[in-house]
Amino acid sequence: MITPEILKEFKDRMKLGDEEDENLTRILSASNKSLIRICGDYDISYDEEFKELVFERARYVYNDALEYFQTNFLTQINDLRIAKALEEIPLEEGDTDATV
């Protein structure tokens, strides 16, 4: 969910005024949903790496360059996908780490 605080943080980063709040909220929400579908169920309010990726995707959308986002951020997308997959691997009894 895109809170007013997240919207303000994005606007500050992009140096944007208040006149585009509805459009920016829509862009951030679509970016958040898209990346949850791709990377897994992350919470933008608590995961800084995920929030950064949502902001970057929203920046690309805002600047009409979305076609370049996935190529330019593939490493970060894959890192989040792998981290989420490792969280979901059940640990064997006695194991303390899910890494292989």
N, C-alpha and C. Protein backbone atom coordinates (compact mmCIF):
# COMPACT_ATOMS: atom_id res chain seq x y z
N MET A 1 0.84 -1.18 0.00
CA MET A 1 0.00 0.00 0.00
C MET A 1 0.89 1.25 0.00
N ILE A 2 0.52 2.20 -0.81
CA ILE A 2 1.29 3.44 -0.91
C ILE A 2 0.73 4.44 0.09
N THR A 3 1.48 4.67 1.15
CA THR A 3 1.06 5.60 2.19
C THR A 3 1.45 7.03 1.80
N PRO A 4 0.85 8.03 2.44
CA PRO A 4 1.26 9.42 2.18
C PRO A 4 2.75 9.64 2.44
N GLU A 5 3.32 8.92 3.40
CA GLU A 5 4.74 9.08 3.70
C GLU A 5 5.61 8.56 2.54
N ILE A 6 5.21 7.42 1.97
CA ILE A 6 5.96 6.87 0.84
C ILE A 6 5.83 7.80 -0.36
N LEU A 7 4.63 8.32 -0.63
CA LEU A 7 4.44 9.28 -1.72
C LEU A 7 5.33 10.50 -1.52
N LYS A 8 5.36 11.04 -0.30
CA LYS A 8 6.20 12.22 -0.02
C LYS A 8 7.68 11.90 -0.24
N GLU A 9 8.11 10.75 0.22
CA GLU A 9 9.51 10.35 0.04
C GLU A 9 9.87 10.28 -1.44
N PHE A 10 8.97 9.72 -2.25
CA PHE A 10 9.22 9.63 -3.69
C PHE A 10 9.24 11.02 -4.31
N LYS A 11 8.28 11.87 -3.95
CA LYS A 11 8.23 13.22 -4.51
C LYS A 11 9.48 14.01 -4.13
N ASP A 12 9.93 13.87 -2.91
CA ASP A 12 11.16 14.56 -2.49
C ASP A 12 12.34 14.09 -3.31
N ARG A 13 12.42 12.80 -3.51
CA ARG A 13 13.53 12.24 -4.29
C ARG A 13 13.52 12.74 -5.73
N MET A 14 12.31 12.80 -6.30
CA MET A 14 12.17 13.21 -7.71
C MET A 14 12.06 14.74 -7.86
N LYS A 15 12.01 15.45 -6.72
CA LYS A 15 11.87 16.91 -6.73
C LYS A 15 10.59 17.34 -7.45
N LEU A 16 9.47 16.71 -7.05
CA LEU A 16 8.18 17.00 -7.65
C LEU A 16 7.28 17.69 -6.65
N GLY A 17 6.35 18.50 -7.17
CA GLY A 17 5.40 19.21 -6.32
C GLY A 17 4.16 18.38 -6.04
N ASP A 18 3.16 19.04 -5.47
CA ASP A 18 1.94 18.37 -5.05
C ASP A 18 0.90 18.21 -6.16
N GLU A 19 1.11 18.83 -7.28
CA GLU A 19 0.10 18.83 -8.34
C GLU A 19 -0.10 17.46 -9.00
N GLU A 20 0.79 16.52 -8.79
CA GLU A 20 0.69 15.21 -9.45
C GLU A 20 0.45 14.05 -8.48
N ASP A 21 -0.03 14.33 -7.30
CA ASP A 21 -0.17 13.29 -6.27
C ASP A 21 -0.96 12.07 -6.76
N GLU A 22 -2.09 12.28 -7.39
CA GLU A 22 -2.92 11.16 -7.83
C GLU A 22 -2.19 10.31 -8.86
N ASN A 23 -1.57 10.94 -9.83
CA ASN A 23 -0.82 10.22 -10.85
C ASN A 23 0.36 9.47 -10.25
N LEU A 24 1.10 10.11 -9.36
CA LEU A 24 2.26 9.48 -8.74
C LEU A 24 1.85 8.31 -7.85
N THR A 25 0.75 8.45 -7.14
CA THR A 25 0.25 7.35 -6.31
C THR A 25 -0.12 6.17 -7.20
N ARG A 26 -0.75 6.43 -8.32
CA ARG A 26 -1.12 5.37 -9.27
C ARG A 26 0.14 4.68 -9.82
N ILE A 27 1.15 5.46 -10.18
CA ILE A 27 2.40 4.90 -10.71
C ILE A 27 3.10 4.06 -9.64
N LEU A 28 3.19 4.58 -8.42
CA LEU A 28 3.84 3.83 -7.33
C LEU A 28 3.08 2.55 -7.01
N SER A 29 1.76 2.62 -7.00
CA SER A 29 0.95 1.44 -6.71
C SER A 29 1.14 0.37 -7.78
N ALA A 30 1.13 0.77 -9.04
CA ALA A 30 1.34 -0.18 -10.14
C ALA A 30 2.73 -0.79 -10.08
N SER A 31 3.73 0.02 -9.75
CA SER A 31 5.10 -0.48 -9.63
C SER A 31 5.22 -1.45 -8.48
N ASN A 32 4.60 -1.13 -7.35
CA ASN A 32 4.61 -2.00 -6.19
C ASN A 32 3.98 -3.36 -6.53
N LYS A 33 2.80 -3.34 -7.14
CA LYS A 33 2.11 -4.58 -7.50
C LYS A 33 2.91 -5.40 -8.51
N SER A 34 3.46 -4.74 -9.50
CA SER A 34 4.25 -5.44 -10.51
C SER A 34 5.46 -6.13 -9.89
N LEU A 35 6.15 -5.43 -9.01
CA LEU A 35 7.35 -6.01 -8.41
C LEU A 35 7.02 -7.07 -7.37
N ILE A 36 5.89 -6.97 -6.71
CA ILE A 36 5.47 -8.06 -5.81
C ILE A 36 5.22 -9.32 -6.64
N ARG A 37 4.58 -9.15 -7.80
CA ARG A 37 4.33 -10.30 -8.67
C ARG A 37 5.63 -10.93 -9.14
N ILE A 38 6.63 -10.12 -9.42
CA ILE A 38 7.91 -10.62 -9.95
C ILE A 38 8.83 -11.13 -8.84
N CYS A 39 8.93 -10.38 -7.75
CA CYS A 39 9.94 -10.64 -6.71
C CYS A 39 9.43 -11.42 -5.52
N GLY A 40 8.14 -11.37 -5.28
CA GLY A 40 7.58 -12.00 -4.09
C GLY A 40 6.91 -10.96 -3.23
N ASP A 41 6.30 -11.41 -2.16
CA ASP A 41 5.48 -10.56 -1.30
C ASP A 41 6.34 -9.76 -0.32
N TYR A 42 6.80 -8.61 -0.77
CA TYR A 42 7.57 -7.68 0.06
C TYR A 42 6.67 -6.54 0.50
N ASP A 43 6.99 -5.91 1.61
CA ASP A 43 6.24 -4.77 2.12
C ASP A 43 7.08 -3.52 1.92
N ILE A 44 6.62 -2.64 1.07
CA ILE A 44 7.36 -1.41 0.75
C ILE A 44 7.62 -0.55 1.99
N SER A 45 6.78 -0.68 2.99
CA SER A 45 6.95 0.13 4.20
C SER A 45 8.11 -0.33 5.07
N TYR A 46 8.53 -1.59 4.91
CA TYR A 46 9.54 -2.15 5.81
C TYR A 46 10.82 -2.61 5.12
N ASP A 47 10.78 -2.86 3.83
CA ASP A 47 11.96 -3.37 3.15
C ASP A 47 12.55 -2.28 2.25
N GLU A 48 13.67 -1.74 2.67
CA GLU A 48 14.30 -0.63 1.95
C GLU A 48 14.76 -1.00 0.55
N GLU A 49 15.30 -2.20 0.37
CA GLU A 49 15.74 -2.62 -0.97
C GLU A 49 14.56 -2.71 -1.92
N PHE A 50 13.45 -3.25 -1.44
CA PHE A 50 12.27 -3.36 -2.27
C PHE A 50 11.72 -1.96 -2.59
N LYS A 51 11.68 -1.09 -1.58
CA LYS A 51 11.19 0.28 -1.80
C LYS A 51 12.03 0.98 -2.85
N GLU A 52 13.35 0.82 -2.76
CA GLU A 52 14.25 1.43 -3.74
C GLU A 52 13.92 0.96 -5.16
N LEU A 53 13.65 -0.33 -5.31
CA LEU A 53 13.32 -0.88 -6.62
C LEU A 53 11.97 -0.34 -7.10
N VAL A 54 10.99 -0.23 -6.22
CA VAL A 54 9.69 0.35 -6.58
C VAL A 54 9.88 1.80 -7.03
N PHE A 55 10.67 2.56 -6.31
CA PHE A 55 10.93 3.95 -6.68
C PHE A 55 11.61 4.04 -8.04
N GLU A 56 12.57 3.16 -8.28
CA GLU A 56 13.27 3.19 -9.57
C GLU A 56 12.31 2.84 -10.72
N ARG A 57 11.46 1.83 -10.51
CA ARG A 57 10.49 1.48 -11.56
C ARG A 57 9.53 2.64 -11.79
N ALA A 58 9.07 3.26 -10.71
CA ALA A 58 8.17 4.41 -10.84
C ALA A 58 8.85 5.57 -11.58
N ARG A 59 10.12 5.76 -11.31
CA ARG A 59 10.88 6.81 -12.02
C ARG A 59 10.93 6.53 -13.52
N TYR A 60 11.16 5.28 -13.87
CA TYR A 60 11.18 4.91 -15.28
C TYR A 60 9.80 5.11 -15.91
N VAL A 61 8.74 4.74 -15.21
CA VAL A 61 7.39 4.95 -15.73
C VAL A 61 7.14 6.45 -15.91
N TYR A 62 7.46 7.23 -14.91
CA TYR A 62 7.23 8.67 -14.96
C TYR A 62 7.95 9.31 -16.15
N ASN A 63 9.11 8.80 -16.47
CA ASN A 63 9.92 9.35 -17.58
C ASN A 63 9.71 8.60 -18.89
N ASP A 64 8.63 7.82 -18.99
CA ASP A 64 8.30 7.08 -20.22
C ASP A 64 9.44 6.21 -20.72
N ALA A 65 10.09 5.50 -19.81
CA ALA A 65 11.22 4.65 -20.18
C ALA A 65 11.10 3.26 -19.56
N LEU A 66 9.89 2.81 -19.28
CA LEU A 66 9.69 1.54 -18.59
C LEU A 66 10.35 0.37 -19.32
N GLU A 67 10.43 0.43 -20.63
CA GLU A 67 11.02 -0.68 -21.38
C GLU A 67 12.47 -0.95 -21.02
N TYR A 68 13.14 0.00 -20.38
CA TYR A 68 14.54 -0.17 -19.99
C TYR A 68 14.72 -0.63 -18.54
N PHE A 69 13.67 -0.57 -17.76
CA PHE A 69 13.78 -0.85 -16.33
C PHE A 69 14.29 -2.26 -16.05
N GLN A 70 13.61 -3.26 -16.59
CA GLN A 70 13.94 -4.64 -16.23
C GLN A 70 15.38 -5.00 -16.62
N THR A 71 15.82 -4.54 -17.76
CA THR A 71 17.20 -4.80 -18.18
C THR A 71 18.20 -4.13 -17.23
N ASN A 72 17.93 -2.89 -16.89
CA ASN A 72 18.87 -2.13 -16.06
C ASN A 72 18.88 -2.57 -14.59
N PHE A 73 17.80 -3.19 -14.13
CA PHE A 73 17.71 -3.58 -12.72
C PHE A 73 17.55 -5.09 -12.54
N LEU A 74 17.96 -5.86 -13.52
CA LEU A 74 17.80 -7.31 -13.46
C LEU A 74 18.53 -7.92 -12.26
N THR A 75 19.71 -7.44 -11.94
CA THR A 75 20.46 -7.97 -10.81
C THR A 75 19.69 -7.77 -9.50
N GLN A 76 19.17 -6.57 -9.27
CA GLN A 76 18.43 -6.29 -8.05
C GLN A 76 17.13 -7.09 -7.99
N ILE A 77 16.45 -7.23 -9.12
CA ILE A 77 15.23 -8.03 -9.19
C ILE A 77 15.54 -9.47 -8.83
N ASN A 78 16.58 -10.03 -9.42
CA ASN A 78 16.95 -11.41 -9.13
C ASN A 78 17.39 -11.60 -7.69
N ASP A 79 18.10 -10.63 -7.14
CA ASP A 79 18.51 -10.71 -5.73
C ASP A 79 17.30 -10.83 -4.81
N LEU A 80 16.29 -10.01 -5.06
CA LEU A 80 15.08 -10.07 -4.23
C LEU A 80 14.33 -11.38 -4.43
N ARG A 81 14.26 -11.85 -5.67
CA ARG A 81 13.58 -13.13 -5.94
C ARG A 81 14.28 -14.28 -5.23
N ILE A 82 15.60 -14.29 -5.27
CA ILE A 82 16.37 -15.36 -4.62
C ILE A 82 16.19 -15.28 -3.10
N ALA A 83 16.27 -14.09 -2.55
CA ALA A 83 16.10 -13.93 -1.11
C ALA A 83 14.72 -14.42 -0.67
N LYS A 84 13.70 -14.11 -1.44
CA LYS A 84 12.34 -14.55 -1.09
C LYS A 84 12.24 -16.07 -1.21
N ALA A 85 12.84 -16.65 -2.24
CA ALA A 85 12.80 -18.10 -2.41
C ALA A 85 13.51 -18.80 -1.26
N LEU A 86 14.64 -18.25 -0.82
CA LEU A 86 15.37 -18.85 0.30
C LEU A 86 14.58 -18.76 1.61
N GLU A 87 13.80 -17.71 1.77
CA GLU A 87 12.95 -17.60 2.97
C GLU A 87 11.92 -18.72 3.02
N GLU A 88 11.49 -19.19 1.86
CA GLU A 88 10.42 -20.17 1.79
C GLU A 88 10.90 -21.62 1.86
N ILE A 89 12.21 -21.83 1.84
CA ILE A 89 12.75 -23.19 1.93
C ILE A 89 12.71 -23.62 3.39
N PRO A 90 12.02 -24.73 3.68
CA PRO A 90 11.97 -25.18 5.08
C PRO A 90 13.34 -25.68 5.53
N LEU A 91 13.70 -25.36 6.76
CA LEU A 91 14.97 -25.80 7.32
C LEU A 91 14.85 -27.23 7.83
N GLU A 92 15.90 -28.00 7.64
CA GLU A 92 15.97 -29.35 8.21
C GLU A 92 16.20 -29.23 9.71
N GLU A 93 15.83 -30.21 10.45
CA GLU A 93 16.06 -30.18 11.89
C GLU A 93 17.54 -30.02 12.18
N GLY A 94 17.86 -29.05 12.99
CA GLY A 94 19.27 -28.80 13.34
C GLY A 94 19.92 -27.76 12.46
N ASP A 95 19.35 -27.45 11.29
CA ASP A 95 19.91 -26.41 10.43
C ASP A 95 19.59 -25.04 11.00
N THR A 96 20.52 -24.12 10.82
CA THR A 96 20.30 -22.75 11.28
C THR A 96 20.31 -21.77 10.13
N ASP A 97 20.58 -22.25 8.92
CA ASP A 97 20.71 -21.38 7.76
C ASP A 97 20.12 -22.08 6.55
N ALA A 98 19.43 -21.31 5.67
CA ALA A 98 18.81 -21.91 4.49
C ALA A 98 19.73 -21.90 3.28
N THR A 99 20.97 -21.43 3.43
CA THR A 99 21.87 -21.39 2.29
C THR A 99 22.39 -22.78 1.98
N VAL A 100 22.71 -22.98 0.73
CA VAL A 100 23.20 -24.28 0.28
C VAL A 100 24.68 -24.24 0.12
